[in-house]
């Protein structure tokens, strides 16, 4: 049995594994590092038409996924893994979430469609509502792929270089520094001299400065959070070990 198991509850199970069957995630899937199962929510319907939605109370356009059907679908897979409802109104997905899920046994992802899912079943099942951005998609399936890709690449044995994940954007609360490769001079654009110096301390300092500058300019929200974290760490009391014995 694979260590990390992903179960997708969706009206379109044929969409999976999709892009997750390619590249790093796909190779890891073939090697059994993780597994994925897509279940059709319609299989939990009880009428001959396999109905899963109904009109919203209070009026309005569109349809809403029924709580009884969705609850039955969840009940068929609930086993203690985190349950995530992918919705535009959810809390923004972050790298810390990817790490948290990757360190566990897996995740159950509930993909909404139409106008959404009846709120009662989300609350009754204690689902964590997560969004991948401030925009609206046709359903939660693409969001589920994004979330799983971020998790799977953190699983042991998936990435070629374990240190790579530690230097990527968001891993340390900053956006990543720029990258360069051969040729050193391309169309009159030269690689920064420091990267050709062989001075590893200077290179590390340059990369750190670049990451801070880019984060400050492009993501003030991340920069503010990073500064707060740094201030908190700097304010922690230092512990000095004392030697006990004869002098």
C-alpha atoms as a PDB file:
ATOM      1  CA  UNK A   1       0.000   0.000   0.000  1.00  0.00           C
ATOM      2  CA  UNK A   2       1.356   3.411  -0.970  1.00  0.00           C
ATOM      3  CA  UNK A   3       2.228   5.739   1.880  1.00  0.00           C
ATOM      4  CA  UNK A   4       0.373   8.770   0.511  1.00  0.00           C
ATOM      5  CA  UNK A   5      -3.165   8.112  -0.750  1.00  0.00           C
ATOM      6  CA  UNK A   6      -5.258  10.678  -2.579  1.00  0.00           C
ATOM      7  CA  UNK A   7      -8.993  10.170  -3.021  1.00  0.00           C
ATOM      8  CA  UNK A   8     -10.913  12.551  -5.268  1.00  0.00           C
ATOM      9  CA  UNK A   9     -14.684  12.939  -4.975  1.00  0.00           C
ATOM     10  CA  UNK A  10     -15.853  14.436  -8.257  1.00  0.00           C
ATOM     11  CA  UNK A  11     -18.543  14.376 -10.924  1.00  0.00           C
ATOM     12  CA  UNK A  12     -15.807  13.864 -13.516  1.00  0.00           C
ATOM     13  CA  UNK A  13     -13.526  11.024 -12.348  1.00  0.00           C
ATOM     14  CA  UNK A  14     -12.224  10.586 -15.902  1.00  0.00           C
ATOM     15  CA  UNK A  15     -10.265  13.831 -15.491  1.00  0.00           C
ATOM     16  CA  UNK A  16      -7.780  12.013 -13.231  1.00  0.00           C
ATOM     17  CA  UNK A  17      -4.892  11.450 -12.993  1.00  0.00           C
ATOM     18  CA  UNK A  18      -4.603  13.992 -15.841  1.00  0.00           C
ATOM     19  CA  UNK A  19      -1.377  15.947 -15.551  1.00  0.00           C
ATOM     20  CA  UNK A  20      -0.599  14.073 -12.340  1.00  0.00           C
ATOM     21  CA  UNK A  21       0.225  11.065 -14.505  1.00  0.00           C
ATOM     22  CA  UNK A  22       3.151  12.934 -16.081  1.00  0.00           C
ATOM     23  CA  UNK A  23       6.616  14.112 -15.030  1.00  0.00           C
ATOM     24  CA  UNK A  24       7.628  13.831 -11.360  1.00  0.00           C
ATOM     25  CA  UNK A  25       4.168  12.966 -10.047  1.00  0.00           C
ATOM     26  CA  UNK A  26       3.600  10.427 -12.822  1.00  0.00           C
ATOM     27  CA  UNK A  27       6.885   8.640 -12.254  1.00  0.00           C
ATOM     28  CA  UNK A  28       6.221   8.578  -8.516  1.00  0.00           C
ATOM     29  CA  UNK A  29       2.770   7.143  -9.216  1.00  0.00           C
ATOM     30  CA  UNK A  30       4.286   4.366 -11.329  1.00  0.00           C
ATOM     31  CA  UNK A  31       6.802   3.589  -8.577  1.00  0.00           C
ATOM     32  CA  UNK A  32       4.074   3.313  -5.957  1.00  0.00           C
ATOM     33  CA  UNK A  33       5.261   6.259  -3.876  1.00  0.00           C
ATOM     34  CA  UNK A  34       1.696   7.527  -3.885  1.00  0.00           C
ATOM     35  CA  UNK A  35      -1.702   6.436  -5.191  1.00  0.00           C
ATOM     36  CA  UNK A  36      -4.777   8.197  -6.509  1.00  0.00           C
ATOM     37  CA  UNK A  37      -8.411   7.124  -6.718  1.00  0.00           C
ATOM     38  CA  UNK A  38     -11.150   9.209  -8.334  1.00  0.00           C
ATOM     39  CA  UNK A  39     -14.689   8.378  -7.207  1.00  0.00           C
ATOM     40  CA  UNK A  40     -17.845   9.549  -8.922  1.00  0.00           C
ATOM     41  CA  UNK A  41     -20.145  11.408  -6.534  1.00  0.00           C
ATOM     42  CA  UNK A  42     -23.084  10.196  -8.640  1.00  0.00           C
ATOM     43  CA  UNK A  43     -22.463   6.662  -7.387  1.00  0.00           C
ATOM     44  CA  UNK A  44     -23.829   7.835  -4.022  1.00  0.00           C
ATOM     45  CA  UNK A  45     -27.120   9.040  -5.525  1.00  0.00           C
ATOM     46  CA  UNK A  46     -30.210   6.993  -4.673  1.00  0.00           C
ATOM     47  CA  UNK A  47     -32.671   7.757  -7.494  1.00  0.00           C
ATOM     48  CA  UNK A  48     -32.747   6.209 -10.952  1.00  0.00           C
ATOM     49  CA  UNK A  49     -31.516   9.445 -12.541  1.00  0.00           C
ATOM     50  CA  UNK A  50     -28.486   9.545 -10.230  1.00  0.00           C
ATOM     51  CA  UNK A  51     -29.370  13.101  -9.220  1.00  0.00           C
ATOM     52  CA  UNK A  52     -26.729  14.971  -7.235  1.00  0.00           C
ATOM     53  CA  UNK A  53     -27.976  18.584  -7.203  1.00  0.00           C
ATOM     54  CA  UNK A  54     -31.040  20.718  -6.635  1.00  0.00           C
ATOM     55  CA  UNK A  55     -32.139  24.362  -6.780  1.00  0.00           C
ATOM     56  CA  UNK A  56     -30.832  26.668  -4.031  1.00  0.00           C
ATOM     57  CA  UNK A  57     -33.071  27.734  -1.168  1.00  0.00           C
ATOM     58  CA  UNK A  58     -33.640  31.476  -1.327  1.00  0.00           C
ATOM     59  CA  UNK A  59     -33.525  31.502  -5.092  1.00  0.00           C
ATOM     60  CA  UNK A  60     -30.710  32.302  -7.449  1.00  0.00           C
ATOM     61  CA  UNK A  61     -29.094  30.926 -10.548  1.00  0.00           C
ATOM     62  CA  UNK A  62     -27.483  27.525 -10.817  1.00  0.00           C
ATOM     63  CA  UNK A  63     -27.737  24.344  -8.811  1.00  0.00           C
ATOM     64  CA  UNK A  64     -26.242  23.162  -5.514  1.00  0.00           C
ATOM     65  CA  UNK A  65     -24.786  19.747  -4.703  1.00  0.00           C
ATOM     66  CA  UNK A  66     -27.093  17.973  -2.243  1.00  0.00           C
ATOM     67  CA  UNK A  67     -25.816  17.339   1.298  1.00  0.00           C
ATOM     68  CA  UNK A  68     -27.222  13.806   1.542  1.00  0.00           C
ATOM     69  CA  UNK A  69     -25.529  12.634  -1.654  1.00  0.00           C
ATOM     70  CA  UNK A  70     -22.215  14.319  -0.879  1.00  0.00           C
ATOM     71  CA  UNK A  71     -22.274  12.973   2.680  1.00  0.00           C
ATOM     72  CA  UNK A  72     -22.808   9.433   1.415  1.00  0.00           C
ATOM     73  CA  UNK A  73     -19.898   9.850  -1.007  1.00  0.00           C
ATOM     74  CA  UNK A  74     -17.640  11.059   1.796  1.00  0.00           C
ATOM     75  CA  UNK A  75     -18.787   8.264   4.087  1.00  0.00           C
ATOM     76  CA  UNK A  76     -17.590   5.707   1.577  1.00  0.00           C
ATOM     77  CA  UNK A  77     -13.977   6.861   1.857  1.00  0.00           C
ATOM     78  CA  UNK A  78     -13.647   8.595   5.235  1.00  0.00           C
ATOM     79  CA  UNK A  79     -10.785   6.975   7.142  1.00  0.00           C
ATOM     80  CA  UNK A  80      -9.146   9.730   9.158  1.00  0.00           C
ATOM     81  CA  UNK A  81      -7.311  11.443   6.324  1.00  0.00           C
ATOM     82  CA  UNK A  82      -7.891  15.220   6.064  1.00  0.00           C
ATOM     83  CA  UNK A  83     -10.999  16.158   4.086  1.00  0.00           C
ATOM     84  CA  UNK A  84     -10.568  19.229   1.892  1.00  0.00           C
ATOM     85  CA  UNK A  85     -13.377  20.998   0.041  1.00  0.00           C
ATOM     86  CA  UNK A  86     -11.955  22.971  -2.870  1.00  0.00           C
ATOM     87  CA  UNK A  87     -13.870  26.235  -3.147  1.00  0.00           C
ATOM     88  CA  UNK A  88     -13.145  29.853  -4.193  1.00  0.00           C
ATOM     89  CA  UNK A  89     -14.182  31.074  -0.752  1.00  0.00           C
ATOM     90  CA  UNK A  90     -11.723  28.836   1.065  1.00  0.00           C
ATOM     91  CA  UNK A  91      -8.526  29.847   2.817  1.00  0.00           C
ATOM     92  CA  UNK A  92      -5.665  30.366   0.316  1.00  0.00           C
ATOM     93  CA  UNK A  93      -3.570  27.235  -0.240  1.00  0.00           C
ATOM     94  CA  UNK A  94       0.021  27.669   0.925  1.00  0.00           C
ATOM     95  CA  UNK A  95       3.290  25.754   0.839  1.00  0.00           C
ATOM     96  CA  UNK A  96       2.853  25.014   4.542  1.00  0.00           C
ATOM     97  CA  UNK A  97      -0.387  23.174   3.689  1.00  0.00           C
ATOM     98  CA  UNK A  98       1.424  21.105   1.062  1.00  0.00           C
ATOM     99  CA  UNK A  99       4.066  20.124   3.625  1.00  0.00           C
ATOM    100  CA  UNK A 100       1.413  19.291   6.225  1.00  0.00           C
ATOM    101  CA  UNK A 101      -0.528  17.032   3.875  1.00  0.00           C
ATOM    102  CA  UNK A 102       2.616  15.422   2.446  1.00  0.00           C
ATOM    103  CA  UNK A 103       3.725  14.423   5.939  1.00  0.00           C
ATOM    104  CA  UNK A 104       0.489  12.512   6.531  1.00  0.00           C
ATOM    105  CA  UNK A 105      -1.214   9.435   5.125  1.00  0.00           C
ATOM    106  CA  UNK A 106      -2.869  11.352   2.327  1.00  0.00           C
ATOM    107  CA  UNK A 107      -5.913  13.495   1.692  1.00  0.00           C
ATOM    108  CA  UNK A 108      -9.539  13.310   0.519  1.00  0.00           C
ATOM    109  CA  UNK A 109     -10.443  16.082  -1.914  1.00  0.00           C
ATOM    110  CA  UNK A 110     -14.034  17.137  -2.521  1.00  0.00           C
ATOM    111  CA  UNK A 111     -14.505  18.885  -5.855  1.00  0.00           C
ATOM    112  CA  UNK A 112     -17.417  21.261  -6.106  1.00  0.00           C
ATOM    113  CA  UNK A 113     -19.419  21.993  -9.272  1.00  0.00           C
ATOM    114  CA  UNK A 114     -22.289  24.234 -10.291  1.00  0.00           C
ATOM    115  CA  UNK A 115     -22.956  26.889  -7.610  1.00  0.00           C
ATOM    116  CA  UNK A 116     -21.201  24.873  -4.939  1.00  0.00           C
ATOM    117  CA  UNK A 117     -21.838  22.348  -2.168  1.00  0.00           C
ATOM    118  CA  UNK A 118     -24.519  22.576   0.523  1.00  0.00           C
ATOM    119  CA  UNK A 119     -22.729  24.187   3.471  1.00  0.00           C
ATOM    120  CA  UNK A 120     -24.273  21.820   5.984  1.00  0.00           C
ATOM    121  CA  UNK A 121     -22.328  18.792   4.808  1.00  0.00           C
ATOM    122  CA  UNK A 122     -19.077  20.772   4.745  1.00  0.00           C
ATOM    123  CA  UNK A 123     -19.632  21.745   8.377  1.00  0.00           C
ATOM    124  CA  UNK A 124     -20.956  18.352   9.469  1.00  0.00           C
ATOM    125  CA  UNK A 125     -17.922  16.553   8.037  1.00  0.00           C
ATOM    126  CA  UNK A 126     -15.438  19.140   9.315  1.00  0.00           C
ATOM    127  CA  UNK A 127     -14.051  19.748   5.830  1.00  0.00           C
ATOM    128  CA  UNK A 128     -11.229  22.231   5.447  1.00  0.00           C
ATOM    129  CA  UNK A 129     -12.187  24.777   2.782  1.00  0.00           C
ATOM    130  CA  UNK A 130      -9.228  25.692   0.580  1.00  0.00           C
ATOM    131  CA  UNK A 131      -8.842  27.921  -2.485  1.00  0.00           C
ATOM    132  CA  UNK A 132      -5.944  28.001  -4.932  1.00  0.00           C
ATOM    133  CA  UNK A 133      -6.498  31.631  -5.895  1.00  0.00           C
ATOM    134  CA  UNK A 134      -8.816  34.595  -6.202  1.00  0.00           C
ATOM    135  CA  UNK A 135     -10.633  33.480  -9.318  1.00  0.00           C
ATOM    136  CA  UNK A 136     -13.444  31.090 -10.217  1.00  0.00           C
ATOM    137  CA  UNK A 137     -12.998  27.801 -12.075  1.00  0.00           C
ATOM    138  CA  UNK A 138     -15.688  25.552 -13.526  1.00  0.00           C
ATOM    139  CA  UNK A 139     -15.077  23.044 -10.749  1.00  0.00           C
ATOM    140  CA  UNK A 140     -12.649  21.848  -8.126  1.00  0.00           C
ATOM    141  CA  UNK A 141     -10.860  19.283 -10.280  1.00  0.00           C
ATOM    142  CA  UNK A 142      -8.076  21.564 -11.517  1.00  0.00           C
ATOM    143  CA  UNK A 143      -7.622  22.886  -7.996  1.00  0.00           C
ATOM    144  CA  UNK A 144      -7.299  19.305  -6.753  1.00  0.00           C
ATOM    145  CA  UNK A 145      -4.544  18.660  -9.295  1.00  0.00           C
ATOM    146  CA  UNK A 146      -2.687  21.780  -8.185  1.00  0.00           C
ATOM    147  CA  UNK A 147      -2.899  20.798  -4.522  1.00  0.00           C
ATOM    148  CA  UNK A 148      -1.775  17.226  -5.162  1.00  0.00           C
ATOM    149  CA  UNK A 149       1.124  18.246  -7.393  1.00  0.00           C
ATOM    150  CA  UNK A 150       2.404  20.517  -4.616  1.00  0.00           C
ATOM    151  CA  UNK A 151       2.123  17.666  -2.094  1.00  0.00           C
ATOM    152  CA  UNK A 152       3.487  14.786  -4.160  1.00  0.00           C
ATOM    153  CA  UNK A 153       6.721  16.541  -5.106  1.00  0.00           C
ATOM    154  CA  UNK A 154       7.520  16.793  -1.381  1.00  0.00           C
ATOM    155  CA  UNK A 155       7.213  13.054  -0.763  1.00  0.00           C
ATOM    156  CA  UNK A 156      10.519  11.249  -0.089  1.00  0.00           C
ATOM    157  CA  UNK A 157      12.034   9.866  -3.262  1.00  0.00           C
ATOM    158  CA  UNK A 158      10.043  12.023  -5.690  1.00  0.00           C
ATOM    159  CA  UNK A 159      12.468  14.864  -6.401  1.00  0.00           C
ATOM    160  CA  UNK A 160      15.929  14.114  -7.721  1.00  0.00           C
ATOM    161  CA  UNK A 161      17.693  16.482  -5.326  1.00  0.00           C
ATOM    162  CA  UNK A 162      16.272  16.678  -1.828  1.00  0.00           C
ATOM    163  CA  UNK A 163      17.779  20.146  -1.345  1.00  0.00           C
ATOM    164  CA  UNK A 164      15.876  21.548  -4.331  1.00  0.00           C
ATOM    165  CA  UNK A 165      12.610  21.850  -2.407  1.00  0.00           C
ATOM    166  CA  UNK A 166      14.324  23.795   0.362  1.00  0.00           C
ATOM    167  CA  UNK A 167      15.394  26.587  -2.014  1.00  0.00           C
ATOM    168  CA  UNK A 168      12.168  27.045  -3.963  1.00  0.00           C
ATOM    169  CA  UNK A 169       9.737  29.930  -3.728  1.00  0.00           C
ATOM    170  CA  UNK A 170       7.744  30.068  -0.479  1.00  0.00           C
ATOM    171  CA  UNK A 171       9.852  27.382   1.261  1.00  0.00           C
ATOM    172  CA  UNK A 172      11.526  30.012   3.450  1.00  0.00           C
ATOM    173  CA  UNK A 173       8.731  32.568   3.199  1.00  0.00           C
ATOM    174  CA  UNK A 174      10.377  34.315   0.233  1.00  0.00           C
ATOM    175  CA  UNK A 175      10.085  34.135  -3.534  1.00  0.00           C
ATOM    176  CA  UNK A 176      12.951  32.332  -5.228  1.00  0.00           C
ATOM    177  CA  UNK A 177      16.056  34.071  -6.554  1.00  0.00           C
ATOM    178  CA  UNK A 178      16.724  34.197 -10.358  1.00  0.00           C
ATOM    179  CA  UNK A 179      18.418  31.264 -12.105  1.00  0.00           C
ATOM    180  CA  UNK A 180      21.009  31.266 -14.902  1.00  0.00           C
ATOM    181  CA  UNK A 181      22.794  28.623 -16.989  1.00  0.00           C
ATOM    182  CA  UNK A 182      25.005  28.391 -20.112  1.00  0.00           C
ATOM    183  CA  UNK A 183      25.823  30.309 -22.194  1.00  0.00           C
ATOM    184  CA  UNK A 184      27.276  32.911 -19.816  1.00  0.00           C
ATOM    185  CA  UNK A 185      26.686  35.602 -22.446  1.00  0.00           C
ATOM    186  CA  UNK A 186      23.404  35.299 -24.324  1.00  0.00           C
ATOM    187  CA  UNK A 187      22.368  37.978 -26.805  1.00  0.00           C
ATOM    188  CA  UNK A 188      24.500  40.517 -24.944  1.00  0.00           C
ATOM    189  CA  UNK A 189      22.930  39.623 -21.597  1.00  0.00           C
ATOM    190  CA  UNK A 190      25.551  38.368 -19.158  1.00  0.00           C
ATOM    191  CA  UNK A 191      25.215  36.226 -16.077  1.00  0.00           C
ATOM    192  CA  UNK A 192      25.915  38.193 -12.837  1.00  0.00           C
ATOM    193  CA  UNK A 193      29.628  38.038 -12.076  1.00  0.00           C
ATOM    194  CA  UNK A 194      29.112  36.735  -8.560  1.00  0.00           C
ATOM    195  CA  UNK A 195      27.656  33.483  -9.893  1.00  0.00           C
ATOM    196  CA  UNK A 196      30.867  32.846 -11.840  1.00  0.00           C
ATOM    197  CA  UNK A 197      33.164  33.707  -8.927  1.00  0.00           C
ATOM    198  CA  UNK A 198      33.229  30.333  -7.197  1.00  0.00           C
ATOM    199  CA  UNK A 199      32.783  32.153  -3.883  1.00  0.00           C
ATOM    200  CA  UNK A 200      29.968  30.141  -2.321  1.00  0.00           C
ATOM    201  CA  UNK A 201      29.425  32.531   0.577  1.00  0.00           C
ATOM    202  CA  UNK A 202      29.113  35.484  -1.791  1.00  0.00           C
ATOM    203  CA  UNK A 203      26.756  33.512  -4.046  1.00  0.00           C
ATOM    204  CA  UNK A 204      24.544  32.575  -1.087  1.00  0.00           C
ATOM    205  CA  UNK A 205      24.444  36.212   0.059  1.00  0.00           C
ATOM    206  CA  UNK A 206      23.569  37.410  -3.464  1.00  0.00           C
ATOM    207  CA  UNK A 207      20.780  34.860  -3.799  1.00  0.00           C
ATOM    208  CA  UNK A 208      19.364  35.803  -0.425  1.00  0.00           C
ATOM    209  CA  UNK A 209      19.433  39.505  -1.304  1.00  0.00           C
ATOM    210  CA  UNK A 210      17.745  38.825  -4.644  1.00  0.00           C
ATOM    211  CA  UNK A 211      15.016  36.733  -2.988  1.00  0.00           C
ATOM    212  CA  UNK A 212      14.343  39.499  -0.482  1.00  0.00           C
ATOM    213  CA  UNK A 213      14.296  42.238  -3.125  1.00  0.00           C
ATOM    214  CA  UNK A 214      11.941  40.311  -5.419  1.00  0.00           C
ATOM    215  CA  UNK A 215       9.608  39.390  -2.564  1.00  0.00           C
ATOM    216  CA  UNK A 216       9.517  42.985  -1.297  1.00  0.00           C
ATOM    217  CA  UNK A 217       8.658  44.305  -4.773  1.00  0.00           C
ATOM    218  CA  UNK A 218       6.232  41.649  -5.978  1.00  0.00           C
ATOM    219  CA  UNK A 219       4.581  40.266  -2.851  1.00  0.00           C
ATOM    220  CA  UNK A 220       4.296  42.842  -0.059  1.00  0.00           C
ATOM    221  CA  UNK A 221       2.090  40.415   1.845  1.00  0.00           C
ATOM    222  CA  UNK A 222       4.778  37.733   1.910  1.00  0.00           C
ATOM    223  CA  UNK A 223       7.443  40.295   2.757  1.00  0.00           C
ATOM    224  CA  UNK A 224       5.436  41.582   5.724  1.00  0.00           C
ATOM    225  CA  UNK A 225       4.906  38.030   6.999  1.00  0.00           C
ATOM    226  CA  UNK A 226       8.610  37.261   6.533  1.00  0.00           C
ATOM    227  CA  UNK A 227       9.617  40.363   8.496  1.00  0.00           C
ATOM    228  CA  UNK A 228       7.236  39.453  11.287  1.00  0.00           C
ATOM    229  CA  UNK A 229       8.693  35.930  11.460  1.00  0.00           C
ATOM    230  CA  UNK A 230      12.218  37.325  11.513  1.00  0.00           C
ATOM    231  CA  UNK A 231      11.364  39.764  14.309  1.00  0.00           C
ATOM    232  CA  UNK A 232       9.767  36.964  16.322  1.00  0.00           C
ATOM    233  CA  UNK A 233      12.834  34.769  15.929  1.00  0.00           C
ATOM    234  CA  UNK A 234      15.186  37.615  16.838  1.00  0.00           C
ATOM    235  CA  UNK A 235      13.190  38.378  19.989  1.00  0.00           C
ATOM    236  CA  UNK A 236      13.457  34.853  21.382  1.00  0.00           C
ATOM    237  CA  UNK A 237      15.727  34.615  24.433  1.00  0.00           C
ATOM    238  CA  UNK A 238      19.123  33.045  23.905  1.00  0.00           C
ATOM    239  CA  UNK A 239      19.916  29.981  25.983  1.00  0.00           C
ATOM    240  CA  UNK A 240      23.495  29.706  27.233  1.00  0.00           C
ATOM    241  CA  UNK A 241      24.725  26.315  28.354  1.00  0.00           C
ATOM    242  CA  UNK A 242      26.799  26.371  31.545  1.00  0.00           C
ATOM    243  CA  UNK A 243      29.412  23.853  32.551  1.00  0.00           C
ATOM    244  CA  UNK A 244      29.054  22.122  35.854  1.00  0.00           C
ATOM    245  CA  UNK A 245      32.197  20.841  37.552  1.00  0.00           C
ATOM    246  CA  UNK A 246      35.445  21.902  39.056  1.00  0.00           C
ATOM    247  CA  UNK A 247      37.292  24.856  37.644  1.00  0.00           C
END
